[in-house]
Amino acid sequence: MTQLVYTQETYKTTSGEVRFNASTPLEDIKAANREVNAILKTESGNFATVLLMKDFDFRRKLMQEHFNENYAESDRYPKSYLSGTIQNFRIAELGSEPKTFQLNGKLTIHGVTRNFNSEVSLRKRSDAIDLQSEFMIQPESFDIEIPTLLFKKIAQEVMVSVNFKLKKQ
């Protein structure tokens, strides 16, 4: 009797990039984290990522200090997580042109977990899969308080961009 064996391929990175933009006309607030871990299981479409909040780099160190101490409370909530499933994912359908999928899961920031849904763009390149996405989050949804004095300096909706080059393991 012939038995079919399916192996679940794993693609990973430890140097993914997550950027956010919370700018307003009064203040330019942008940061990038280039040390993000991510993993994709190709058979199931399961995807997960974790990052350290303190790894976000800002143009101005004082802004970074305020972010970590007053908003993200990085000592208390050091990590953020995203885990979910890329819907209808089939690695065989990926090519050199980007293909759009829906990612459904849970996003945890500041110790608060919320349902998460976003489009993700994937494309295959030799032994790697590029994954990109952009989505908006509202800090108040994650119990991140913005003082009334700074209300006009920090965006109420923050644009988040992710860029991962996941390498086959």
Protein backbone atom coordinates (compact mmCIF):
# COMPACT_ATOMS: atom_id res chain seq x y z
CA MET A 1 0.00 0.00 0.00
CA THR A 2 1.33 3.42 -0.97
CA GLN A 3 1.19 6.07 1.70
CA LEU A 4 1.26 9.75 0.87
CA VAL A 5 3.29 11.86 3.24
CA TYR A 6 2.77 15.60 3.33
CA THR A 7 5.43 17.73 4.89
CA GLN A 8 4.56 21.10 6.21
CA GLU A 9 7.14 23.57 5.02
CA THR A 10 8.14 26.34 7.36
CA TYR A 11 9.28 29.81 6.33
CA LYS A 12 10.82 32.14 8.94
CA THR A 13 12.59 35.41 9.55
CA THR A 14 14.21 37.07 12.54
CA SER A 15 14.73 40.35 10.70
CA GLY A 16 11.27 41.31 9.53
CA GLU A 17 10.27 44.95 9.48
CA VAL A 18 7.27 46.62 11.09
CA ARG A 19 6.80 50.37 10.71
CA PHE A 20 4.17 52.65 12.12
CA ASN A 21 3.11 56.18 11.37
CA ALA A 22 1.17 58.12 14.01
CA SER A 23 1.89 61.53 12.49
CA THR A 24 -0.42 64.53 12.54
CA PRO A 25 0.02 67.97 10.96
CA LEU A 26 1.56 69.07 14.28
CA GLU A 27 4.01 66.20 14.83
CA ASP A 28 5.92 63.71 12.68
CA ILE A 29 5.76 60.39 14.57
CA LYS A 30 7.25 57.43 12.74
CA ALA A 31 9.18 54.39 13.92
CA ALA A 32 10.58 51.14 12.54
CA ASN A 33 11.43 47.79 14.09
CA ARG A 34 13.73 45.63 11.95
CA GLU A 35 14.14 42.73 14.38
CA VAL A 36 10.72 41.11 14.10
CA ASN A 37 10.34 37.33 14.24
CA ALA A 38 7.77 35.72 11.96
CA ILE A 39 6.87 32.19 10.87
CA LEU A 40 4.58 30.79 8.17
CA LYS A 41 3.46 27.15 7.98
CA THR A 42 2.62 26.54 4.33
CA GLU A 43 0.31 23.55 4.68
CA SER A 44 -2.06 25.25 7.11
CA GLY A 45 -1.46 28.91 6.25
CA ASN A 46 -0.80 29.57 9.93
CA PHE A 47 1.21 32.74 10.46
CA ALA A 48 2.64 34.23 13.64
CA THR A 49 4.87 37.14 14.51
CA VAL A 50 6.32 38.59 17.69
CA LEU A 51 8.24 41.79 18.30
CA LEU A 52 9.83 43.64 21.18
CA MET A 53 8.32 47.08 21.65
CA LYS A 54 11.69 48.52 22.71
CA ASP A 55 13.12 47.61 19.29
CA PHE A 56 11.16 50.40 17.58
CA ASP A 57 13.60 53.09 16.46
CA PHE A 58 12.48 56.70 16.25
CA ARG A 59 14.25 59.59 14.58
CA ARG A 60 14.41 61.37 17.94
CA LYS A 61 15.53 59.50 21.06
CA LEU A 62 13.26 61.54 23.33
CA MET A 63 10.26 60.44 21.28
CA GLN A 64 11.42 56.83 21.61
CA GLU A 65 11.75 57.26 25.37
CA HIS A 66 8.23 58.70 25.64
CA PHE A 67 6.84 55.89 23.47
CA ASN A 68 8.39 53.17 25.64
CA GLU A 69 7.67 54.76 29.02
CA ASN A 70 4.33 56.54 28.58
CA TYR A 71 2.42 54.81 25.79
CA ALA A 72 3.64 51.29 25.04
CA GLU A 73 4.77 50.81 28.65
CA SER A 74 7.42 48.50 27.22
CA ASP A 75 8.73 47.31 30.58
CA ARG A 76 5.27 46.12 31.56
CA TYR A 77 4.20 44.93 28.07
CA PRO A 78 7.48 44.07 26.32
CA LYS A 79 6.08 42.14 23.35
CA SER A 80 3.35 42.38 20.75
CA TYR A 81 1.99 39.35 18.94
CA LEU A 82 0.03 38.56 15.83
CA SER A 83 -1.16 35.04 15.10
CA GLY A 84 -3.67 33.85 12.59
CA THR A 85 -4.38 32.01 9.39
CA ILE A 86 -3.93 33.17 5.82
CA GLN A 87 -7.24 32.16 4.26
CA ASN A 88 -7.21 29.85 1.21
CA PHE A 89 -3.41 29.85 1.18
CA ARG A 90 -1.77 27.46 -1.27
CA ILE A 91 1.95 27.81 -1.82
CA ALA A 92 1.62 26.28 -5.29
CA GLU A 93 -0.39 29.34 -6.35
CA LEU A 94 2.39 31.76 -5.45
CA GLY A 95 4.62 33.14 -8.16
CA SER A 96 6.79 36.16 -8.80
CA GLU A 97 3.75 38.45 -8.97
CA PRO A 98 2.15 39.43 -5.64
CA LYS A 99 -1.08 37.63 -4.74
CA THR A 100 -3.52 39.00 -2.16
CA PHE A 101 -4.94 36.91 0.67
CA GLN A 102 -6.94 37.60 3.82
CA LEU A 103 -5.23 37.12 7.20
CA ASN A 104 -7.60 36.47 10.11
CA GLY A 105 -6.40 36.09 13.67
CA LYS A 106 -5.58 37.85 16.92
CA LEU A 107 -3.39 40.90 17.53
CA THR A 108 -2.01 41.59 21.01
CA ILE A 109 -0.58 45.00 21.87
CA HIS A 110 -0.14 46.51 25.34
CA GLY A 111 -1.49 43.30 26.90
CA VAL A 112 -4.82 43.62 25.03
CA THR A 113 -5.87 41.04 22.41
CA ARG A 114 -8.26 41.96 19.60
CA ASN A 115 -9.58 40.17 16.53
CA PHE A 116 -7.49 41.02 13.50
CA ASN A 117 -8.33 40.95 9.78
CA SER A 118 -6.17 42.37 7.02
CA GLU A 119 -5.19 41.79 3.44
CA VAL A 120 -1.67 40.46 2.95
CA SER A 121 0.31 40.35 -0.25
CA LEU A 122 2.56 37.34 -0.86
CA ARG A 123 4.95 36.35 -3.59
CA LYS A 124 7.45 33.51 -3.95
CA ARG A 125 11.09 34.00 -4.80
CA SER A 126 13.29 30.87 -4.97
CA ASP A 127 13.61 29.80 -1.31
CA ALA A 128 11.72 32.76 0.17
CA ILE A 129 8.23 34.20 0.47
CA ASP A 130 7.76 37.96 0.67
CA LEU A 131 4.83 39.03 2.83
CA GLN A 132 3.62 42.63 2.98
CA SER A 133 0.62 44.32 4.54
CA GLU A 134 -0.69 47.68 5.67
CA PHE A 135 -3.43 48.22 8.20
CA MET A 136 -4.73 50.76 10.68
CA ILE A 137 -4.97 50.39 14.44
CA GLN A 138 -6.48 52.65 17.06
CA PRO A 139 -4.31 53.01 20.18
CA GLU A 140 -7.38 53.35 22.41
CA SER A 141 -8.54 49.88 21.28
CA PHE A 142 -5.44 48.51 23.01
CA ASP A 143 -5.84 50.61 26.17
CA ILE A 144 -3.06 52.98 25.12
CA GLU A 145 -3.99 56.32 26.61
CA ILE A 146 -3.09 59.57 24.90
CA PRO A 147 -3.22 62.56 27.26
CA THR A 148 -5.62 65.34 26.30
CA LEU A 149 -2.69 67.77 25.96
CA LEU A 150 -1.17 65.59 23.22
CA PHE A 151 -4.43 64.60 21.53
CA LYS A 152 -3.70 66.72 18.44
CA LYS A 153 -0.05 65.63 18.19
CA ILE A 154 -0.63 61.86 18.00
CA ALA A 155 -2.88 60.27 15.36
CA GLN A 156 -6.03 58.53 16.59
CA GLU A 157 -5.49 55.93 13.86
CA VAL A 158 -1.99 54.58 13.33
CA MET A 159 -0.85 53.19 9.98
CA VAL A 160 1.15 49.98 10.39
CA SER A 161 3.23 48.51 7.54
CA VAL A 162 4.84 45.08 7.64
CA ASN A 163 7.47 43.64 5.35
CA PHE A 164 8.82 40.12 5.85
CA LYS A 165 11.19 38.07 3.73
CA LEU A 166 10.44 34.60 5.05
CA LYS A 167 13.15 32.05 4.24
CA LYS A 168 12.50 28.35 3.81
CA GLN A 169 13.78 26.31 6.75
